[in-house]
Amino acid sequence: MGTLVQKPLITEKSLFLAAKGWYTFIVDKEARKETIARDIAKLYKVTVVEVRTSAIHGKKRRAGKKMAAVKRPDSKKAYVQLKSGQKIDAFEVTSEKGTTT
């Protein structure tokens, strides 16, 4: 089986948490905390201290010309805390100052 970590979750809340040392990822629904920690450590070359997970239930919404009911898939979110002093570059905010045109 491939990697369980699907993608980093970049939102205002996740960037706020990243500043405090907690990084947020969308992971496979069946992923366990131990395997999430191992995958993050391998992918980003960091030391994982703690993992917290949260199940995200897919929302129902209406879409299309006929407004058919569709359901977004269920997913899982993982909050990962790294060893102090380490960071993941995907969560770094770059600000471009002085670029006026």
N, C-alpha and C. Protein backbone atom coordinates (compact mmCIF):
# COMPACT_ATOMS: atom_id res chain seq x y z
N MET A 1 0.85 -1.18 0.00
CA MET A 1 0.00 0.00 0.00
C MET A 1 0.89 1.24 0.00
N GLY A 2 0.45 2.29 -0.69
CA GLY A 2 1.21 3.52 -0.79
C GLY A 2 1.15 4.34 0.48
N THR A 3 1.48 5.58 0.34
CA THR A 3 1.49 6.47 1.50
C THR A 3 0.06 6.76 1.98
N LEU A 4 -0.11 6.86 3.27
CA LEU A 4 -1.41 7.12 3.86
C LEU A 4 -1.72 8.61 3.91
N VAL A 5 -0.68 9.45 3.84
CA VAL A 5 -0.86 10.90 3.90
C VAL A 5 -1.22 11.37 2.49
N GLN A 6 -2.40 11.97 2.33
CA GLN A 6 -2.85 12.39 1.01
C GLN A 6 -2.34 13.77 0.64
N LYS A 7 -2.50 14.76 1.56
CA LYS A 7 -2.03 16.11 1.26
C LYS A 7 -2.03 16.95 2.53
N PRO A 8 -1.20 17.99 2.58
CA PRO A 8 -1.29 18.93 3.70
C PRO A 8 -2.55 19.78 3.55
N LEU A 9 -3.16 20.12 4.66
CA LEU A 9 -4.36 20.94 4.66
C LEU A 9 -3.95 22.37 4.99
N ILE A 10 -4.05 23.26 4.00
CA ILE A 10 -3.64 24.65 4.17
C ILE A 10 -4.88 25.53 4.27
N THR A 11 -5.19 25.97 5.48
CA THR A 11 -6.30 26.89 5.74
C THR A 11 -5.79 27.94 6.73
N GLU A 12 -6.61 28.91 7.02
CA GLU A 12 -6.21 29.92 8.01
C GLU A 12 -5.97 29.26 9.36
N LYS A 13 -6.85 28.35 9.74
CA LYS A 13 -6.71 27.67 11.02
C LYS A 13 -5.46 26.80 11.05
N SER A 14 -5.19 26.08 9.96
CA SER A 14 -4.02 25.20 9.96
C SER A 14 -2.72 26.00 9.97
N LEU A 15 -2.71 27.17 9.33
CA LEU A 15 -1.51 28.01 9.37
C LEU A 15 -1.31 28.59 10.78
N PHE A 16 -2.40 28.92 11.46
CA PHE A 16 -2.32 29.38 12.84
C PHE A 16 -1.76 28.29 13.73
N LEU A 17 -2.24 27.04 13.54
CA LEU A 17 -1.74 25.92 14.33
C LEU A 17 -0.29 25.60 13.98
N ALA A 18 0.09 25.76 12.71
CA ALA A 18 1.46 25.49 12.29
C ALA A 18 2.44 26.43 12.98
N ALA A 19 2.00 27.65 13.24
CA ALA A 19 2.84 28.60 13.97
C ALA A 19 3.08 28.13 15.40
N LYS A 20 2.17 27.30 15.92
CA LYS A 20 2.32 26.76 17.28
C LYS A 20 2.96 25.37 17.28
N GLY A 21 3.31 24.86 16.09
CA GLY A 21 3.99 23.57 16.02
C GLY A 21 3.12 22.38 15.67
N TRP A 22 1.84 22.60 15.33
CA TRP A 22 0.93 21.52 14.94
C TRP A 22 0.64 21.64 13.45
N TYR A 23 0.90 20.58 12.70
CA TYR A 23 0.72 20.58 11.25
C TYR A 23 -0.46 19.67 10.90
N THR A 24 -1.29 20.10 9.95
CA THR A 24 -2.54 19.42 9.63
C THR A 24 -2.45 18.75 8.26
N PHE A 25 -2.89 17.49 8.19
CA PHE A 25 -2.86 16.73 6.94
C PHE A 25 -4.17 16.00 6.75
N ILE A 26 -4.56 15.80 5.49
CA ILE A 26 -5.66 14.90 5.15
C ILE A 26 -5.02 13.53 4.94
N VAL A 27 -5.56 12.52 5.63
CA VAL A 27 -4.98 11.18 5.57
C VAL A 27 -6.06 10.17 5.18
N ASP A 28 -5.65 8.95 4.88
CA ASP A 28 -6.56 7.87 4.56
C ASP A 28 -7.47 7.60 5.75
N LYS A 29 -8.73 7.25 5.49
CA LYS A 29 -9.70 7.01 6.58
C LYS A 29 -9.28 5.88 7.50
N GLU A 30 -8.56 4.90 6.97
CA GLU A 30 -8.16 3.73 7.74
C GLU A 30 -6.79 3.90 8.42
N ALA A 31 -6.16 5.05 8.26
CA ALA A 31 -4.82 5.27 8.79
C ALA A 31 -4.81 5.28 10.32
N ARG A 32 -3.78 4.65 10.88
CA ARG A 32 -3.59 4.65 12.33
C ARG A 32 -2.53 5.69 12.70
N LYS A 33 -2.55 6.12 13.95
CA LYS A 33 -1.64 7.18 14.38
C LYS A 33 -0.17 6.79 14.19
N GLU A 34 0.18 5.54 14.48
CA GLU A 34 1.57 5.10 14.35
C GLU A 34 2.04 5.18 12.90
N THR A 35 1.18 4.75 11.97
CA THR A 35 1.57 4.77 10.57
C THR A 35 1.58 6.19 10.01
N ILE A 36 0.69 7.06 10.51
CA ILE A 36 0.71 8.47 10.10
C ILE A 36 2.03 9.10 10.52
N ALA A 37 2.43 8.85 11.77
CA ALA A 37 3.69 9.41 12.28
C ALA A 37 4.88 8.92 11.45
N ARG A 38 4.88 7.64 11.12
CA ARG A 38 5.98 7.07 10.34
C ARG A 38 6.04 7.69 8.93
N ASP A 39 4.87 7.85 8.30
CA ASP A 39 4.83 8.42 6.95
C ASP A 39 5.26 9.88 6.93
N ILE A 40 4.79 10.68 7.89
CA ILE A 40 5.18 12.09 7.96
C ILE A 40 6.68 12.21 8.19
N ALA A 41 7.21 11.39 9.10
CA ALA A 41 8.65 11.41 9.38
C ALA A 41 9.46 11.07 8.13
N LYS A 42 8.98 10.10 7.36
CA LYS A 42 9.70 9.68 6.16
C LYS A 42 9.58 10.71 5.05
N LEU A 43 8.38 11.27 4.85
CA LEU A 43 8.15 12.23 3.76
C LEU A 43 8.89 13.55 3.97
N TYR A 44 8.85 14.07 5.18
CA TYR A 44 9.37 15.41 5.45
C TYR A 44 10.68 15.43 6.23
N LYS A 45 11.23 14.26 6.56
CA LYS A 45 12.51 14.16 7.29
C LYS A 45 12.46 14.93 8.60
N VAL A 46 11.42 14.67 9.41
CA VAL A 46 11.23 15.32 10.71
C VAL A 46 10.96 14.25 11.76
N THR A 47 10.97 14.66 13.03
CA THR A 47 10.66 13.76 14.14
C THR A 47 9.28 14.10 14.67
N VAL A 48 8.36 13.15 14.60
CA VAL A 48 6.99 13.36 15.06
C VAL A 48 6.90 13.02 16.55
N VAL A 49 6.35 13.95 17.33
CA VAL A 49 6.21 13.76 18.77
C VAL A 49 4.83 13.23 19.13
N GLU A 50 3.78 13.80 18.49
CA GLU A 50 2.41 13.41 18.84
C GLU A 50 1.52 13.52 17.61
N VAL A 51 0.50 12.66 17.55
CA VAL A 51 -0.48 12.68 16.45
C VAL A 51 -1.88 12.67 17.06
N ARG A 52 -2.73 13.56 16.58
CA ARG A 52 -4.14 13.57 16.96
C ARG A 52 -4.94 13.46 15.66
N THR A 53 -6.01 12.68 15.69
CA THR A 53 -6.81 12.49 14.48
C THR A 53 -8.25 12.92 14.70
N SER A 54 -8.92 13.21 13.59
CA SER A 54 -10.30 13.65 13.63
C SER A 54 -11.01 13.13 12.38
N ALA A 55 -12.17 12.50 12.56
CA ALA A 55 -12.95 12.01 11.42
C ALA A 55 -13.80 13.15 10.88
N ILE A 56 -13.76 13.32 9.57
CA ILE A 56 -14.53 14.37 8.91
C ILE A 56 -15.63 13.69 8.09
N HIS A 57 -16.87 13.95 8.43
CA HIS A 57 -17.99 13.35 7.72
C HIS A 57 -18.31 14.19 6.48
N GLY A 58 -18.53 13.51 5.35
CA GLY A 58 -18.83 14.20 4.10
C GLY A 58 -20.16 14.93 4.16
N LYS A 59 -20.17 16.13 3.66
CA LYS A 59 -21.39 16.94 3.69
C LYS A 59 -22.27 16.61 2.49
N LYS A 60 -23.57 16.73 2.68
CA LYS A 60 -24.51 16.57 1.58
C LYS A 60 -24.77 17.94 0.98
N ARG A 61 -24.82 17.99 -0.35
CA ARG A 61 -25.13 19.25 -1.00
C ARG A 61 -25.84 18.96 -2.31
N ARG A 62 -26.37 20.01 -2.93
CA ARG A 62 -27.09 19.84 -4.19
C ARG A 62 -26.26 20.47 -5.30
N ALA A 63 -26.18 19.78 -6.43
CA ALA A 63 -25.32 20.27 -7.51
C ALA A 63 -25.93 19.95 -8.86
N GLY A 64 -25.49 20.66 -9.86
CA GLY A 64 -25.91 20.39 -11.23
C GLY A 64 -27.18 21.12 -11.60
N LYS A 65 -27.55 20.97 -12.86
CA LYS A 65 -28.74 21.65 -13.38
C LYS A 65 -30.01 21.16 -12.70
N LYS A 66 -30.06 19.87 -12.39
CA LYS A 66 -31.25 19.30 -11.76
C LYS A 66 -31.18 19.34 -10.23
N MET A 67 -30.15 19.97 -9.70
CA MET A 67 -29.95 20.08 -8.25
C MET A 67 -30.02 18.72 -7.56
N ALA A 68 -29.33 17.77 -8.14
CA ALA A 68 -29.30 16.42 -7.57
C ALA A 68 -28.50 16.44 -6.28
N ALA A 69 -28.92 15.64 -5.31
CA ALA A 69 -28.22 15.56 -4.03
C ALA A 69 -26.96 14.72 -4.22
N VAL A 70 -25.82 15.28 -3.82
CA VAL A 70 -24.56 14.56 -3.86
C VAL A 70 -23.92 14.63 -2.47
N LYS A 71 -23.12 13.64 -2.15
CA LYS A 71 -22.47 13.60 -0.84
C LYS A 71 -20.96 13.61 -1.05
N ARG A 72 -20.29 14.50 -0.38
CA ARG A 72 -18.84 14.52 -0.43
C ARG A 72 -18.33 13.34 0.38
N PRO A 73 -17.19 12.79 0.00
CA PRO A 73 -16.70 11.59 0.71
C PRO A 73 -16.24 11.90 2.13
N ASP A 74 -16.35 10.91 3.00
CA ASP A 74 -15.81 11.04 4.35
C ASP A 74 -14.29 11.05 4.26
N SER A 75 -13.65 11.70 5.21
CA SER A 75 -12.19 11.75 5.22
C SER A 75 -11.69 11.79 6.66
N LYS A 76 -10.40 11.92 6.82
CA LYS A 76 -9.80 11.96 8.14
C LYS A 76 -8.72 13.02 8.15
N LYS A 77 -8.67 13.77 9.25
CA LYS A 77 -7.68 14.82 9.41
C LYS A 77 -6.71 14.40 10.51
N ALA A 78 -5.43 14.67 10.31
CA ALA A 78 -4.42 14.34 11.32
C ALA A 78 -3.67 15.61 11.70
N TYR A 79 -3.59 15.86 12.99
CA TYR A 79 -2.79 16.96 13.51
C TYR A 79 -1.50 16.35 14.04
N VAL A 80 -0.35 16.85 13.56
CA VAL A 80 0.94 16.26 13.88
C VAL A 80 1.80 17.31 14.57
N GLN A 81 2.35 16.95 15.73
CA GLN A 81 3.27 17.85 16.43
C GLN A 81 4.69 17.34 16.22
N LEU A 82 5.59 18.26 15.87
CA LEU A 82 6.98 17.89 15.61
C LEU A 82 7.86 18.22 16.79
N LYS A 83 9.06 17.65 16.78
CA LYS A 83 10.06 17.96 17.79
C LYS A 83 10.37 19.45 17.72
N SER A 84 10.59 20.09 18.85
CA SER A 84 10.80 21.54 18.86
C SER A 84 12.00 21.91 18.00
N GLY A 85 11.83 22.98 17.25
CA GLY A 85 12.88 23.45 16.36
C GLY A 85 12.72 22.95 14.93
N GLN A 86 11.86 21.98 14.71
CA GLN A 86 11.64 21.47 13.36
C GLN A 86 10.39 22.09 12.75
N LYS A 87 10.35 22.14 11.42
CA LYS A 87 9.19 22.69 10.74
C LYS A 87 9.03 22.03 9.38
N ILE A 88 7.85 22.19 8.79
CA ILE A 88 7.55 21.68 7.46
C ILE A 88 7.35 22.88 6.55
N ASP A 89 8.13 22.94 5.47
CA ASP A 89 8.13 24.12 4.61
C ASP A 89 6.81 24.37 3.90
N ALA A 90 5.98 23.35 3.71
CA ALA A 90 4.70 23.52 3.01
C ALA A 90 3.78 24.48 3.76
N PHE A 91 3.99 24.66 5.06
CA PHE A 91 3.12 25.51 5.87
C PHE A 91 3.70 26.90 6.11
N GLU A 92 4.80 27.21 5.46
CA GLU A 92 5.41 28.53 5.64
C GLU A 92 4.71 29.55 4.76
N VAL A 93 4.38 30.70 5.33
CA VAL A 93 3.72 31.77 4.58
C VAL A 93 4.80 32.73 4.11
N THR A 94 4.81 32.97 2.80
CA THR A 94 5.76 33.92 2.26
C THR A 94 5.04 35.21 1.95
N SER A 95 5.60 36.31 2.43
CA SER A 95 4.98 37.60 2.16
C SER A 95 5.92 38.38 1.23
N GLU A 96 5.35 38.93 0.19
CA GLU A 96 6.14 39.71 -0.76
C GLU A 96 5.93 41.17 -0.45
N LYS A 97 6.93 41.79 0.15
CA LYS A 97 6.83 43.20 0.52
C LYS A 97 7.56 44.03 -0.49
N GLY A 98 7.03 45.19 -0.75
CA GLY A 98 7.71 46.15 -1.62
C GLY A 98 7.56 45.84 -3.11
N THR A 99 6.66 44.98 -3.49
CA THR A 99 6.47 44.71 -4.91
C THR A 99 5.24 45.47 -5.40
N THR A 100 5.45 46.71 -5.78
CA THR A 100 4.35 47.52 -6.30
C THR A 100 4.58 47.75 -7.79
N THR A 101 3.54 47.64 -8.54
CA THR A 101 3.66 47.84 -9.98
C THR A 101 2.75 48.92 -10.47
